[in-house]
Amino acid sequence: MEAKAIAKMQRISPIKARLVIDTIRGKKVSDALAILENTNKKAARLTKKVLNSAVANAVNNNGLNADDLYVKEARVDAGPVMKRVLFDSRGHIGHNDKRTSHIVITVAEK
């Protein structure tokens, strides 16, 4: 049995979020939460919320034991990009791309 949680439209670059996601893939949930607690990044805070949601889904919806769960799948997909224009001096124009991410975590029993 497995349970999934998805956080869509998170305001963080997918490249930055993948750095954190790669550290918890395949680990036990308790180990993954400890890693995220001690990682000082915005992506760690967002990933921790999704992981806790996936564990709650597994326990409440599927009746699984939280101590036996591990991170089966953890991925970050690119969401839509909010494109902003930056006006500069002498008629120049720059672009500011505000990237979003979809964080997907699946937990399962060993």
PDB file of N, CA and C in Angstrom:
ATOM      1  N   MET A   1       0.841  -1.180   0.000  1.00  0.00           N
ATOM      2  CA  MET A   1       0.000   0.000   0.000  1.00  0.00           C
ATOM      3  C   MET A   1       0.887   1.244   0.000  1.00  0.00           C
ATOM      4  N   GLU A   2       0.415   2.262  -0.648  1.00  0.00           N
ATOM      5  CA  GLU A   2       1.170   3.511  -0.674  1.00  0.00           C
ATOM      6  C   GLU A   2       0.211   4.685  -0.601  1.00  0.00           C
ATOM      7  N   ALA A   3       0.756   5.829  -0.217  1.00  0.00           N
ATOM      8  CA  ALA A   3      -0.023   7.061  -0.117  1.00  0.00           C
ATOM      9  C   ALA A   3       0.797   8.184  -0.722  1.00  0.00           C
ATOM     10  N   LYS A   4       0.091   9.161  -1.279  1.00  0.00           N
ATOM     11  CA  LYS A   4       0.745  10.237  -2.019  1.00  0.00           C
ATOM     12  C   LYS A   4       0.257  11.590  -1.517  1.00  0.00           C
ATOM     13  N   ALA A   5       1.123  12.572  -1.595  1.00  0.00           N
ATOM     14  CA  ALA A   5       0.754  13.957  -1.309  1.00  0.00           C
ATOM     15  C   ALA A   5       1.434  14.848  -2.339  1.00  0.00           C
ATOM     16  N   ILE A   6       0.701  15.867  -2.786  1.00  0.00           N
ATOM     17  CA  ILE A   6       1.204  16.780  -3.811  1.00  0.00           C
ATOM     18  C   ILE A   6       0.992  18.217  -3.335  1.00  0.00           C
ATOM     19  N   ALA A   7       2.024  19.031  -3.467  1.00  0.00           N
ATOM     20  CA  ALA A   7       1.914  20.469  -3.218  1.00  0.00           C
ATOM     21  C   ALA A   7       2.188  21.167  -4.539  1.00  0.00           C
ATOM     22  N   LYS A   8       1.173  21.826  -5.062  1.00  0.00           N
ATOM     23  CA  LYS A   8       1.319  22.472  -6.362  1.00  0.00           C
ATOM     24  C   LYS A   8       1.551  23.968  -6.206  1.00  0.00           C
ATOM     25  N   MET A   9       2.155  24.540  -7.232  1.00  0.00           N
ATOM     26  CA  MET A   9       2.356  25.989  -7.341  1.00  0.00           C
ATOM     27  C   MET A   9       3.177  26.567  -6.179  1.00  0.00           C
ATOM     28  N   GLN A  10       4.173  25.844  -5.727  1.00  0.00           N
ATOM     29  CA  GLN A  10       5.027  26.331  -4.650  1.00  0.00           C
ATOM     30  C   GLN A  10       6.040  27.310  -5.228  1.00  0.00           C
ATOM     31  N   ARG A  11       6.196  28.464  -4.567  1.00  0.00           N
ATOM     32  CA  ARG A  11       7.046  29.523  -5.111  1.00  0.00           C
ATOM     33  C   ARG A  11       8.517  29.276  -4.779  1.00  0.00           C
ATOM     34  N   ILE A  12       9.069  28.280  -5.444  1.00  0.00           N
ATOM     35  CA  ILE A  12      10.491  27.989  -5.327  1.00  0.00           C
ATOM     36  C   ILE A  12      10.941  27.390  -6.650  1.00  0.00           C
ATOM     37  N   SER A  13      12.156  27.666  -7.020  1.00  0.00           N
ATOM     38  CA  SER A  13      12.699  27.140  -8.265  1.00  0.00           C
ATOM     39  C   SER A  13      12.810  25.617  -8.182  1.00  0.00           C
ATOM     40  N   PRO A  14      12.434  24.905  -9.240  1.00  0.00           N
ATOM     41  CA  PRO A  14      12.548  23.441  -9.212  1.00  0.00           C
ATOM     42  C   PRO A  14      13.980  22.956  -8.987  1.00  0.00           C
ATOM     43  N   ILE A  15      14.958  23.682  -9.497  1.00  0.00           N
ATOM     44  CA  ILE A  15      16.354  23.277  -9.319  1.00  0.00           C
ATOM     45  C   ILE A  15      16.738  23.331  -7.839  1.00  0.00           C
ATOM     46  N   LYS A  16      16.321  24.385  -7.143  1.00  0.00           N
ATOM     47  CA  LYS A  16      16.635  24.503  -5.718  1.00  0.00           C
ATOM     48  C   LYS A  16      15.885  23.455  -4.903  1.00  0.00           C
ATOM     49  N   ALA A  17      14.641  23.178  -5.281  1.00  0.00           N
ATOM     50  CA  ALA A  17      13.854  22.191  -4.541  1.00  0.00           C
ATOM     51  C   ALA A  17      14.405  20.785  -4.738  1.00  0.00           C
ATOM     52  N   ARG A  18      14.924  20.491  -5.918  1.00  0.00           N
ATOM     53  CA  ARG A  18      15.457  19.147  -6.186  1.00  0.00           C
ATOM     54  C   ARG A  18      16.695  18.844  -5.343  1.00  0.00           C
ATOM     55  N   LEU A  19      17.454  19.872  -4.974  1.00  0.00           N
ATOM     56  CA  LEU A  19      18.617  19.655  -4.115  1.00  0.00           C
ATOM     57  C   LEU A  19      18.207  19.031  -2.785  1.00  0.00           C
ATOM     58  N   VAL A  20      17.074  19.463  -2.251  1.00  0.00           N
ATOM     59  CA  VAL A  20      16.594  18.937  -0.973  1.00  0.00           C
ATOM     60  C   VAL A  20      15.898  17.598  -1.164  1.00  0.00           C
ATOM     61  N   ILE A  21      15.093  17.487  -2.211  1.00  0.00           N
ATOM     62  CA  ILE A  21      14.337  16.253  -2.462  1.00  0.00           C
ATOM     63  C   ILE A  21      15.284  15.067  -2.655  1.00  0.00           C
ATOM     64  N   ASP A  22      16.417  15.295  -3.298  1.00  0.00           N
ATOM     65  CA  ASP A  22      17.361  14.209  -3.559  1.00  0.00           C
ATOM     66  C   ASP A  22      17.937  13.615  -2.272  1.00  0.00           C
ATOM     67  N   THR A  23      17.930  14.384  -1.180  1.00  0.00           N
ATOM     68  CA  THR A  23      18.517  13.889   0.070  1.00  0.00           C
ATOM     69  C   THR A  23      17.601  12.921   0.808  1.00  0.00           C
ATOM     70  N   ILE A  24      16.283  12.921   0.518  1.00  0.00           N
ATOM     71  CA  ILE A  24      15.362  12.077   1.288  1.00  0.00           C
ATOM     72  C   ILE A  24      14.833  10.888   0.495  1.00  0.00           C
ATOM     73  N   ARG A  25      15.094  10.834  -0.788  1.00  0.00           N
ATOM     74  CA  ARG A  25      14.540   9.762  -1.627  1.00  0.00           C
ATOM     75  C   ARG A  25      15.041   8.398  -1.165  1.00  0.00           C
ATOM     76  N   GLY A  26      14.101   7.463  -0.913  1.00  0.00           N
ATOM     77  CA  GLY A  26      14.446   6.105  -0.525  1.00  0.00           C
ATOM     78  C   GLY A  26      14.703   5.899   0.956  1.00  0.00           C
ATOM     79  N   LYS A  27      14.642   6.959   1.765  1.00  0.00           N
ATOM     80  CA  LYS A  27      14.931   6.849   3.193  1.00  0.00           C
ATOM     81  C   LYS A  27      13.662   6.522   3.986  1.00  0.00           C
ATOM     82  N   LYS A  28      13.848   6.054   5.228  1.00  0.00           N
ATOM     83  CA  LYS A  28      12.713   5.882   6.133  1.00  0.00           C
ATOM     84  C   LYS A  28      12.141   7.261   6.442  1.00  0.00           C
ATOM     85  N   VAL A  29      10.848   7.312   6.748  1.00  0.00           N
ATOM     86  CA  VAL A  29      10.192   8.596   6.985  1.00  0.00           C
ATOM     87  C   VAL A  29      10.809   9.300   8.186  1.00  0.00           C
ATOM     88  N   SER A  30      11.120   8.563   9.245  1.00  0.00           N
ATOM     89  CA  SER A  30      11.709   9.195  10.429  1.00  0.00           C
ATOM     90  C   SER A  30      13.077   9.806  10.101  1.00  0.00           C
ATOM     91  N   ASP A  31      13.874   9.102   9.295  1.00  0.00           N
ATOM     92  CA  ASP A  31      15.175   9.642   8.894  1.00  0.00           C
ATOM     93  C   ASP A  31      15.010  10.860   7.987  1.00  0.00           C
ATOM     94  N   ALA A  32      14.045  10.789   7.077  1.00  0.00           N
ATOM     95  CA  ALA A  32      13.807  11.902   6.156  1.00  0.00           C
ATOM     96  C   ALA A  32      13.364  13.151   6.910  1.00  0.00           C
ATOM     97  N   LEU A  33      12.492  12.980   7.910  1.00  0.00           N
ATOM     98  CA  LEU A  33      12.051  14.131   8.701  1.00  0.00           C
ATOM     99  C   LEU A  33      13.213  14.733   9.485  1.00  0.00           C
ATOM    100  N   ALA A  34      14.102  13.897   9.996  1.00  0.00           N
ATOM    101  CA  ALA A  34      15.269  14.403  10.722  1.00  0.00           C
ATOM    102  C   ALA A  34      16.183  15.196   9.791  1.00  0.00           C
ATOM    103  N   ILE A  35      16.358  14.708   8.578  1.00  0.00           N
ATOM    104  CA  ILE A  35      17.184  15.423   7.599  1.00  0.00           C
ATOM    105  C   ILE A  35      16.567  16.778   7.277  1.00  0.00           C
ATOM    106  N   LEU A  36      15.258  16.798   7.053  1.00  0.00           N
ATOM    107  CA  LEU A  36      14.585  18.047   6.693  1.00  0.00           C
ATOM    108  C   LEU A  36      14.587  19.038   7.849  1.00  0.00           C
ATOM    109  N   GLU A  37      14.480  18.535   9.090  1.00  0.00           N
ATOM    110  CA  GLU A  37      14.517  19.418  10.261  1.00  0.00           C
ATOM    111  C   GLU A  37      15.844  20.167  10.344  1.00  0.00           C
ATOM    112  N   ASN A  38      16.923  19.500   9.961  1.00  0.00           N
ATOM    113  CA  ASN A  38      18.259  20.077  10.112  1.00  0.00           C
ATOM    114  C   ASN A  38      18.798  20.703   8.835  1.00  0.00           C
ATOM    115  N   THR A  39      17.958  20.831   7.824  1.00  0.00           N
ATOM    116  CA  THR A  39      18.362  21.479   6.582  1.00  0.00           C
ATOM    117  C   THR A  39      17.805  22.893   6.577  1.00  0.00           C
ATOM    118  N   ASN A  40      18.689  23.861   6.494  1.00  0.00           N
ATOM    119  CA  ASN A  40      18.282  25.258   6.591  1.00  0.00           C
ATOM    120  C   ASN A  40      18.006  25.829   5.196  1.00  0.00           C
ATOM    121  N   LYS A  41      16.918  25.356   4.580  1.00  0.00           N
ATOM    122  CA  LYS A  41      16.530  25.841   3.265  1.00  0.00           C
ATOM    123  C   LYS A  41      15.012  25.953   3.206  1.00  0.00           C
ATOM    124  N   LYS A  42      14.533  26.858   2.365  1.00  0.00           N
ATOM    125  CA  LYS A  42      13.093  27.019   2.183  1.00  0.00           C
ATOM    126  C   LYS A  42      12.480  25.734   1.629  1.00  0.00           C
ATOM    127  N   ALA A  43      13.182  25.079   0.726  1.00  0.00           N
ATOM    128  CA  ALA A  43      12.669  23.845   0.129  1.00  0.00           C
ATOM    129  C   ALA A  43      12.485  22.758   1.180  1.00  0.00           C
ATOM    130  N   ALA A  44      13.316  22.746   2.208  1.00  0.00           N
ATOM    131  CA  ALA A  44      13.186  21.745   3.265  1.00  0.00           C
ATOM    132  C   ALA A  44      11.891  21.951   4.039  1.00  0.00           C
ATOM    133  N   ARG A  45      11.546  23.197   4.295  1.00  0.00           N
ATOM    134  CA  ARG A  45      10.298  23.501   5.008  1.00  0.00           C
ATOM    135  C   ARG A  45       9.091  23.067   4.188  1.00  0.00           C
ATOM    136  N   LEU A  46       9.095  23.356   2.892  1.00  0.00           N
ATOM    137  CA  LEU A  46       7.979  22.974   2.027  1.00  0.00           C
ATOM    138  C   LEU A  46       7.891  21.456   1.877  1.00  0.00           C
ATOM    139  N   THR A  47       9.034  20.799   1.727  1.00  0.00           N
ATOM    140  CA  THR A  47       9.065  19.348   1.561  1.00  0.00           C
ATOM    141  C   THR A  47       8.590  18.644   2.822  1.00  0.00           C
ATOM    142  N   LYS A  48       8.936  19.201   3.975  1.00  0.00           N
ATOM    143  CA  LYS A  48       8.512  18.594   5.241  1.00  0.00           C
ATOM    144  C   LYS A  48       6.992  18.603   5.368  1.00  0.00           C
ATOM    145  N   LYS A  49       6.365  19.688   4.944  1.00  0.00           N
ATOM    146  CA  LYS A  49       4.903  19.755   4.994  1.00  0.00           C
ATOM    147  C   LYS A  49       4.272  18.696   4.101  1.00  0.00           C
ATOM    148  N   VAL A  50       4.834  18.506   2.911  1.00  0.00           N
ATOM    149  CA  VAL A  50       4.288  17.511   1.982  1.00  0.00           C
ATOM    150  C   VAL A  50       4.514  16.103   2.527  1.00  0.00           C
ATOM    151  N   LEU A  51       5.683  15.857   3.106  1.00  0.00           N
ATOM    152  CA  LEU A  51       5.977  14.536   3.660  1.00  0.00           C
ATOM    153  C   LEU A  51       5.046  14.211   4.825  1.00  0.00           C
ATOM    154  N   ASN A  52       4.813  15.182   5.704  1.00  0.00           N
ATOM    155  CA  ASN A  52       3.875  14.962   6.810  1.00  0.00           C
ATOM    156  C   ASN A  52       2.470  14.695   6.295  1.00  0.00           C
ATOM    157  N   SER A  53       2.080  15.361   5.231  1.00  0.00           N
ATOM    158  CA  SER A  53       0.763  15.131   4.636  1.00  0.00           C
ATOM    159  C   SER A  53       0.661  13.730   4.047  1.00  0.00           C
ATOM    160  N   ALA A  54       1.722  13.269   3.397  1.00  0.00           N
ATOM    161  CA  ALA A  54       1.717  11.920   2.824  1.00  0.00           C
ATOM    162  C   ALA A  54       1.634  10.861   3.921  1.00  0.00           C
ATOM    163  N   VAL A  55       2.338  11.083   5.026  1.00  0.00           N
ATOM    164  CA  VAL A  55       2.277  10.143   6.151  1.00  0.00           C
ATOM    165  C   VAL A  55       0.874  10.133   6.752  1.00  0.00           C
ATOM    166  N   ALA A  56       0.270  11.316   6.898  1.00  0.00           N
ATOM    167  CA  ALA A  56      -1.089  11.390   7.436  1.00  0.00           C
ATOM    168  C   ALA A  56      -2.078  10.689   6.511  1.00  0.00           C
ATOM    169  N   ASN A  57      -1.895  10.830   5.209  1.00  0.00           N
ATOM    170  CA  ASN A  57      -2.758  10.124   4.257  1.00  0.00           C
ATOM    171  C   ASN A  57      -2.605   8.616   4.407  1.00  0.00           C
ATOM    172  N   ALA A  58      -1.381   8.152   4.594  1.00  0.00           N
ATOM    173  CA  ALA A  58      -1.142   6.714   4.733  1.00  0.00           C
ATOM    174  C   ALA A  58      -1.775   6.168   6.006  1.00  0.00           C
ATOM    175  N   VAL A  59      -1.661   6.918   7.093  1.00  0.00           N
ATOM    176  CA  VAL A  59      -2.183   6.446   8.378  1.00  0.00           C
ATOM    177  C   VAL A  59      -3.706   6.530   8.413  1.00  0.00           C
ATOM    178  N   ASN A  60      -4.259   7.659   7.997  1.00  0.00           N
ATOM    179  CA  ASN A  60      -5.703   7.878   8.131  1.00  0.00           C
ATOM    180  C   ASN A  60      -6.519   7.201   7.039  1.00  0.00           C
ATOM    181  N   ASN A  61      -6.046   7.227   5.812  1.00  0.00           N
ATOM    182  CA  ASN A  61      -6.838   6.685   4.704  1.00  0.00           C
ATOM    183  C   ASN A  61      -6.581   5.204   4.463  1.00  0.00           C
ATOM    184  N   ASN A  62      -5.331   4.766   4.655  1.00  0.00           N
ATOM    185  CA  ASN A  62      -4.981   3.386   4.331  1.00  0.00           C
ATOM    186  C   ASN A  62      -4.721   2.521   5.553  1.00  0.00           C
ATOM    187  N   GLY A  63      -4.700   3.117   6.743  1.00  0.00           N
ATOM    188  CA  GLY A  63      -4.489   2.351   7.965  1.00  0.00           C
ATOM    189  C   GLY A  63      -3.094   1.775   8.108  1.00  0.00           C
ATOM    190  N   LEU A  64      -2.094   2.431   7.527  1.00  0.00           N
ATOM    191  CA  LEU A  64      -0.717   1.941   7.611  1.00  0.00           C
ATOM    192  C   LEU A  64      -0.058   2.423   8.900  1.00  0.00           C
ATOM    193  N   ASN A  65       0.999   1.746   9.299  1.00  0.00           N
ATOM    194  CA  ASN A  65       1.758   2.123  10.484  1.00  0.00           C
ATOM    195  C   ASN A  65       2.831   3.135  10.080  1.00  0.00           C
ATOM    196  N   ALA A  66       2.867   4.262  10.770  1.00  0.00           N
ATOM    197  CA  ALA A  66       3.791   5.340  10.400  1.00  0.00           C
ATOM    198  C   ALA A  66       5.254   4.938  10.580  1.00  0.00           C
ATOM    199  N   ASP A  67       5.530   4.001  11.491  1.00  0.00           N
ATOM    200  CA  ASP A  67       6.917   3.603  11.748  1.00  0.00           C
ATOM    201  C   ASP A  67       7.492   2.733  10.635  1.00  0.00           C
ATOM    202  N   ASP A  68       6.627   2.112   9.829  1.00  0.00           N
ATOM    203  CA  ASP A  68       7.088   1.202   8.776  1.00  0.00           C
ATOM    204  C   ASP A  68       7.204   1.872   7.409  1.00  0.00           C
ATOM    205  N   LEU A  69       6.938   3.166   7.328  1.00  0.00           N
ATOM    206  CA  LEU A  69       6.888   3.847   6.032  1.00  0.00           C
ATOM    207  C   LEU A  69       8.276   4.306   5.587  1.00  0.00           C
ATOM    208  N   TYR A  70       8.449   4.329   4.273  1.00  0.00           N
ATOM    209  CA  TYR A  70       9.651   4.906   3.682  1.00  0.00           C
ATOM    210  C   TYR A  70       9.237   5.752   2.476  1.00  0.00           C
ATOM    211  N   VAL A  71      10.125   6.611   2.027  1.00  0.00           N
ATOM    212  CA  VAL A  71       9.846   7.501   0.898  1.00  0.00           C
ATOM    213  C   VAL A  71      10.080   6.710  -0.384  1.00  0.00           C
ATOM    214  N   LYS A  72       8.995   6.291  -1.008  1.00  0.00           N
ATOM    215  CA  LYS A  72       9.099   5.483  -2.224  1.00  0.00           C
ATOM    216  C   LYS A  72       9.441   6.354  -3.426  1.00  0.00           C
ATOM    217  N   GLU A  73       8.773   7.494  -3.525  1.00  0.00           N
ATOM    218  CA  GLU A  73       9.003   8.399  -4.655  1.00  0.00           C
ATOM    219  C   GLU A  73       9.020   9.826  -4.135  1.00  0.00           C
ATOM    220  N   ALA A  74       9.970  10.602  -4.587  1.00  0.00           N
ATOM    221  CA  ALA A  74      10.044  12.022  -4.250  1.00  0.00           C
ATOM    222  C   ALA A  74      10.534  12.747  -5.485  1.00  0.00           C
ATOM    223  N   ARG A  75       9.703  13.636  -6.005  1.00  0.00           N
ATOM    224  CA  ARG A  75      10.110  14.341  -7.212  1.00  0.00           C
ATOM    225  C   ARG A  75       9.583  15.773  -7.183  1.00  0.00           C
ATOM    226  N   VAL A  76      10.228  16.601  -7.977  1.00  0.00           N
ATOM    227  CA  VAL A  76       9.815  17.992  -8.142  1.00  0.00           C
ATOM    228  C   VAL A  76       9.632  18.243  -9.624  1.00  0.00           C
ATOM    229  N   ASP A  77       8.436  18.661  -9.997  1.00  0.00           N
ATOM    230  CA  ASP A  77       8.146  19.009 -11.377  1.00  0.00           C
ATOM    231  C   ASP A  77       8.052  20.526 -11.494  1.00  0.00           C
ATOM    232  N   ALA A  78       8.393  21.038 -12.644  1.00  0.00           N
ATOM    233  CA  ALA A  78       8.314  22.479 -12.878  1.00  0.00           C
ATOM    234  C   ALA A  78       6.865  22.888 -13.082  1.00  0.00           C
ATOM    235  N   GLY A  79       6.466  23.943 -12.412  1.00  0.00           N
ATOM    236  CA  GLY A  79       5.135  24.501 -12.588  1.00  0.00           C
ATOM    237  C   GLY A  79       5.196  25.656 -13.569  1.00  0.00           C
ATOM    238  N   PRO A  80       4.108  26.402 -13.665  1.00  0.00           N
ATOM    239  CA  PRO A  80       4.108  27.551 -14.567  1.00  0.00           C
ATOM    240  C   PRO A  80       5.066  28.646 -14.090  1.00  0.00           C
ATOM    241  N   VAL A  81       5.548  29.421 -15.027  1.00  0.00           N
ATOM    242  CA  VAL A  81       6.496  30.493 -14.736  1.00  0.00           C
ATOM    243  C   VAL A  81       5.774  31.830 -14.844  1.00  0.00           C
ATOM    244  N   MET A  82       5.900  32.640 -13.781  1.00  0.00           N
ATOM    245  CA  MET A  82       5.349  33.994 -13.817  1.00  0.00           C
ATOM    246  C   MET A  82       6.440  34.916 -14.354  1.00  0.00           C
ATOM    247  N   LYS A  83       6.214  35.480 -15.515  1.00  0.00           N
ATOM    248  CA  LYS A  83       7.235  36.308 -16.150  1.00  0.00           C
ATOM    249  C   LYS A  83       6.965  37.778 -15.844  1.00  0.00           C
ATOM    250  N   ARG A  84       7.968  38.443 -15.301  1.00  0.00           N
ATOM    251  CA  ARG A  84       7.864  39.851 -14.941  1.00  0.00           C
ATOM    252  C   ARG A  84       8.909  40.644 -15.726  1.00  0.00           C
ATOM    253  N   VAL A  85       8.579  41.891 -16.008  1.00  0.00           N
ATOM    254  CA  VAL A  85       9.476  42.764 -16.761  1.00  0.00           C
ATOM    255  C   VAL A  85      10.154  43.713 -15.786  1.00  0.00           C
ATOM    256  N   LEU A  86      11.465  43.865 -15.931  1.00  0.00           N
ATOM    257  CA  LEU A  86      12.230  44.810 -15.133  1.00  0.00           C
ATOM    258  C   LEU A  86      12.693  45.937 -16.051  1.00  0.00           C
ATOM    259  N   PHE A  87      12.236  47.134 -15.782  1.00  0.00           N
ATOM    260  CA  PHE A  87      12.626  48.285 -16.592  1.00  0.00           C
ATOM    261  C   PHE A  87      13.930  48.852 -16.055  1.00  0.00           C
ATOM    262  N   ASP A  88      14.853  49.095 -16.974  1.00  0.00           N
ATOM    263  CA  ASP A  88      16.179  49.544 -16.598  1.00  0.00           C
ATOM    264  C   ASP A  88      16.422  50.921 -17.215  1.00  0.00           C
ATOM    265  N   SER A  89      17.566  51.483 -16.903  1.00  0.00           N
ATOM    266  CA  SER A  89      17.889  52.795 -17.442  1.00  0.00           C
ATOM    267  C   SER A  89      18.215  52.712 -18.931  1.00  0.00           C
ATOM    268  N   ARG A  90      18.174  53.826 -19.592  1.00  0.00           N
ATOM    269  CA  ARG A  90      18.495  53.961 -21.015  1.00  0.00           C
ATOM    270  C   ARG A  90      17.635  53.066 -21.898  1.00  0.00           C
ATOM    271  N   GLY A  91      16.415  52.809 -21.491  1.00  0.00           N
ATOM    272  CA  GLY A  91      15.481  52.069 -22.327  1.00  0.00           C
ATOM    273  C   GLY A  91      15.663  50.571 -22.340  1.00  0.00           C
ATOM    274  N   HIS A  92      16.519  50.065 -21.495  1.00  0.00           N
ATOM    275  CA  HIS A  92      16.731  48.620 -21.462  1.00  0.00           C
ATOM    276  C   HIS A  92      15.629  47.933 -20.664  1.00  0.00           C
ATOM    277  N   ILE A  93      15.365  46.698 -21.026  1.00  0.00           N
ATOM    278  CA  ILE A  93      14.349  45.907 -20.337  1.00  0.00           C
ATOM    279  C   ILE A  93      14.965  44.571 -19.947  1.00  0.00           C
ATOM    280  N   GLY A  94      14.739  44.175 -18.703  1.00  0.00           N
ATOM    281  CA  GLY A  94      15.195  42.865 -18.241  1.00  0.00           C
ATOM    282  C   GLY A  94      13.993  41.988 -17.932  1.00  0.00           C
ATOM    283  N   HIS A  95      14.254  40.732 -17.677  1.00  0.00           N
ATOM    284  CA  HIS A  95      13.181  39.793 -17.374  1.00  0.00           C
ATOM    285  C   HIS A  95      13.453  39.135 -16.032  1.00  0.00           C
ATOM    286  N   ASN A  96      12.395  38.948 -15.264  1.00  0.00           N
ATOM    287  CA  ASN A  96      12.487  38.235 -14.002  1.00  0.00           C
ATOM    288  C   ASN A  96      11.493  37.086 -14.058  1.00  0.00           C
ATOM    289  N   ASP A  97      11.994  35.864 -14.151  1.00  0.00           N
ATOM    290  CA  ASP A  97      11.128  34.695 -14.217  1.00  0.00           C
ATOM    291  C   ASP A  97      10.950  34.134 -12.816  1.00  0.00           C
ATOM    292  N   LYS A  98       9.717  34.199 -12.315  1.00  0.00           N
ATOM    293  CA  LYS A  98       9.407  33.651 -10.992  1.00  0.00           C
ATOM    294  C   LYS A  98       8.905  32.231 -11.186  1.00  0.00           C
ATOM    295  N   ARG A  99       9.758  31.274 -10.898  1.00  0.00           N
ATOM    296  CA  ARG A  99       9.445  29.870 -11.171  1.00  0.00           C
ATOM    297  C   ARG A  99       8.653  29.251 -10.024  1.00  0.00           C
ATOM    298  N   THR A 100       7.800  28.286 -10.380  1.00  0.00           N
ATOM    299  CA  THR A 100       7.038  27.543  -9.385  1.00  0.00           C
ATOM    300  C   THR A 100       7.327  26.056  -9.539  1.00  0.00           C
ATOM    301  N   SER A 101       7.005  25.307  -8.491  1.00  0.00           N
ATOM    302  CA  SER A 101       7.291  23.875  -8.470  1.00  0.00           C
ATOM    303  C   SER A 101       6.081  23.098  -7.980  1.00  0.00           C
ATOM    304  N   HIS A 102       5.972  21.860  -8.446  1.00  0.00           N
ATOM    305  CA  HIS A 102       5.010  20.904  -7.918  1.00  0.00           C
ATOM    306  C   HIS A 102       5.827  19.824  -7.207  1.00  0.00           C
ATOM    307  N   ILE A 103       5.603  19.676  -5.898  1.00  0.00           N
ATOM    308  CA  ILE A 103       6.349  18.704  -5.100  1.00  0.00           C
ATOM    309  C   ILE A 103       5.465  17.478  -4.886  1.00  0.00           C
ATOM    310  N   VAL A 104       5.959  16.301  -5.284  1.00  0.00           N
ATOM    311  CA  VAL A 104       5.203  15.049  -5.183  1.00  0.00           C
ATOM    312  C   VAL A 104       5.998  14.065  -4.330  1.00  0.00           C
ATOM    313  N   ILE A 105       5.358  13.556  -3.265  1.00  0.00           N
ATOM    314  CA  ILE A 105       6.001  12.568  -2.402  1.00  0.00           C
ATOM    315  C   ILE A 105       5.055  11.390  -2.216  1.00  0.00           C
ATOM    316  N   THR A 106       5.573  10.185  -2.430  1.00  0.00           N
ATOM    317  CA  THR A 106       4.823   8.955  -2.215  1.00  0.00           C
ATOM    318  C   THR A 106       5.533   8.144  -1.145  1.00  0.00           C
ATOM    319  N   VAL A 107       4.763   7.701  -0.141  1.00  0.00           N
ATOM    320  CA  VAL A 107       5.315   6.842   0.905  1.00  0.00           C
ATOM    321  C   VAL A 107       4.663   5.472   0.809  1.00  0.00           C
ATOM    322  N   ALA A 108       5.406   4.446   1.208  1.00  0.00           N
ATOM    323  CA  ALA A 108       4.886   3.077   1.155  1.00  0.00           C
ATOM    324  C   ALA A 108       5.485   2.283   2.307  1.00  0.00           C
ATOM    325  N   GLU A 109       4.880   1.125   2.576  1.00  0.00           N
ATOM    326  CA  GLU A 109       5.408   0.234   3.602  1.00  0.00           C
ATOM    327  C   GLU A 109       6.480  -0.660   3.007  1.00  0.00           C
ATOM    328  N   LYS A 110       7.480  -0.963   3.815  1.00  0.00           N
ATOM    329  CA  LYS A 110       8.539  -1.882   3.369  1.00  0.00           C
ATOM    330  C   LYS A 110       7.998  -3.285   3.309  1.00  0.00           C
TER     331      LYS A 110
END
